[in-house]
């Protein structure tokens, strides 16, 4: 039983470190952080307390998830509030769909014929 718990502690720490490394990729950080926390809890077994490496796994997993939320939140904030990023988003949407992002938010839909016409395909 102790050998299995030690493996779970190690996996917990490794997944926690992976959560921090992949914190700029929202879904991967949540996946790795969640696995770090899960393996830390599983490493406890019949003991009353989570010990050693498993605590490090919990800490790194939570830090990876928190860092991912902060990075993603700041990117969303910048795209919606910073005029230069908003202009970049509008230009990109207009190139891809034929209407700006602001027009999409107001309820307009892209012209599907524009998107599939041979003149607009790469």
Protein backbone atom coordinates (compact mmCIF):
# COMPACT_ATOMS: atom_id res chain seq x y z
CA UNK A 1 0.00 0.00 0.00
CA UNK A 2 2.81 2.43 0.84
CA UNK A 3 4.48 1.92 -2.55
CA UNK A 4 1.23 2.80 -4.31
CA UNK A 5 0.82 5.92 -2.16
CA UNK A 6 4.36 7.01 -3.01
CA UNK A 7 3.59 6.64 -6.73
CA UNK A 8 0.46 8.74 -6.33
CA UNK A 9 2.47 11.42 -4.50
CA UNK A 10 5.01 11.51 -7.30
CA UNK A 11 2.30 11.70 -9.99
CA UNK A 12 0.62 14.46 -8.01
CA UNK A 13 3.77 16.56 -7.98
CA UNK A 14 4.54 15.88 -11.65
CA UNK A 15 1.02 16.83 -12.75
CA UNK A 16 1.20 19.96 -10.58
CA UNK A 17 4.43 21.02 -12.26
CA UNK A 18 2.86 20.29 -15.65
CA UNK A 19 -0.10 22.51 -14.67
CA UNK A 20 2.25 25.41 -13.98
CA UNK A 21 4.19 24.85 -17.21
CA UNK A 22 1.00 24.71 -19.31
CA UNK A 23 -0.78 27.53 -17.50
CA UNK A 24 -1.01 29.58 -20.68
CA UNK A 25 -3.16 26.81 -22.21
CA UNK A 26 -6.41 27.08 -20.24
CA UNK A 27 -7.71 23.52 -20.65
CA UNK A 28 -4.38 21.76 -20.16
CA UNK A 29 -3.70 23.60 -16.89
CA UNK A 30 -7.13 22.63 -15.57
CA UNK A 31 -6.59 19.01 -16.61
CA UNK A 32 -3.12 18.71 -15.09
CA UNK A 33 -4.03 20.71 -11.98
CA UNK A 34 -7.11 18.59 -11.39
CA UNK A 35 -5.10 15.40 -11.80
CA UNK A 36 -2.48 16.72 -9.36
CA UNK A 37 -5.13 17.33 -6.73
CA UNK A 38 -6.80 13.98 -7.42
CA UNK A 39 -3.56 12.00 -7.10
CA UNK A 40 -2.66 13.88 -3.92
CA UNK A 41 -5.98 12.89 -2.37
CA UNK A 42 -5.58 9.30 -3.58
CA UNK A 43 -2.08 9.12 -2.08
CA UNK A 44 -3.57 9.69 1.36
CA UNK A 45 -5.04 6.19 1.41
CA UNK A 46 -6.07 5.22 4.95
CA UNK A 47 -3.91 7.88 6.60
CA UNK A 48 -5.49 10.89 8.22
CA UNK A 49 -3.24 13.48 6.63
CA UNK A 50 -1.81 14.24 3.21
CA UNK A 51 1.96 14.38 3.56
CA UNK A 52 5.15 15.45 1.86
CA UNK A 53 5.20 15.33 -1.89
CA UNK A 54 1.40 15.17 -2.11
CA UNK A 55 1.14 18.59 -0.43
CA UNK A 56 3.57 19.91 -3.04
CA UNK A 57 1.35 18.38 -5.73
CA UNK A 58 -1.72 20.14 -4.33
CA UNK A 59 0.10 23.46 -4.09
CA UNK A 60 1.53 23.28 -7.61
CA UNK A 61 -1.79 22.07 -9.05
CA UNK A 62 -3.73 24.92 -7.46
CA UNK A 63 -1.06 27.45 -8.51
CA UNK A 64 -1.20 26.17 -12.11
CA UNK A 65 -4.99 26.50 -12.21
CA UNK A 66 -4.91 29.96 -10.60
CA UNK A 67 -2.21 31.17 -12.97
CA UNK A 68 -4.20 29.89 -15.94
CA UNK A 69 -7.33 31.71 -14.77
CA UNK A 70 -5.35 34.94 -14.34
CA UNK A 71 -3.71 34.69 -17.77
CA UNK A 72 -6.99 33.87 -19.53
CA UNK A 73 -8.88 36.56 -17.62
CA UNK A 74 -6.33 39.23 -18.49
CA UNK A 75 -6.43 38.26 -22.17
CA UNK A 76 -10.22 38.45 -22.25
CA UNK A 77 -10.09 41.81 -20.44
CA UNK A 78 -7.54 43.18 -22.92
CA UNK A 79 -9.49 42.10 -25.99
CA UNK A 80 -12.70 43.68 -24.73
CA UNK A 81 -11.32 46.86 -23.14
CA UNK A 82 -8.05 47.85 -24.83
CA UNK A 83 -8.84 49.74 -28.08
CA UNK A 84 -5.74 48.47 -29.91
CA UNK A 85 -6.55 44.82 -29.15
CA UNK A 86 -10.20 45.40 -29.99
CA UNK A 87 -9.19 46.85 -33.37
CA UNK A 88 -6.97 43.81 -33.98
CA UNK A 89 -9.87 41.51 -33.12
CA UNK A 90 -12.21 43.46 -35.42
CA UNK A 91 -9.71 43.31 -38.30
CA UNK A 92 -9.16 39.58 -37.86
CA UNK A 93 -12.89 38.84 -37.75
CA UNK A 94 -13.50 41.00 -40.81
CA UNK A 95 -10.81 39.15 -42.75
CA UNK A 96 -12.18 35.76 -41.71
CA UNK A 97 -15.95 36.34 -41.75
CA UNK A 98 -16.57 39.55 -43.67
CA UNK A 99 -17.96 41.43 -40.64
CA UNK A 100 -16.30 42.89 -37.58
CA UNK A 101 -16.46 41.42 -34.09
CA UNK A 102 -18.52 44.39 -32.93
CA UNK A 103 -21.07 43.64 -35.66
CA UNK A 104 -21.18 40.01 -34.51
CA UNK A 105 -21.86 41.12 -30.95
CA UNK A 106 -24.72 43.33 -32.14
CA UNK A 107 -26.44 40.28 -33.60
CA UNK A 108 -25.45 40.35 -37.25
CA UNK A 109 -24.47 37.06 -38.83
CA UNK A 110 -21.70 36.51 -41.34
CA UNK A 111 -22.63 36.13 -45.00
CA UNK A 112 -21.97 32.45 -45.67
CA UNK A 113 -21.78 33.03 -49.41
CA UNK A 114 -18.96 35.49 -48.81
CA UNK A 115 -17.08 32.90 -46.76
CA UNK A 116 -17.38 30.12 -49.35
CA UNK A 117 -17.01 32.05 -52.59
CA UNK A 118 -13.92 31.04 -54.62
CA UNK A 119 -12.62 34.64 -54.62
CA UNK A 120 -12.26 34.62 -50.83
CA UNK A 121 -10.69 31.20 -50.39
CA UNK A 122 -6.95 31.00 -49.95
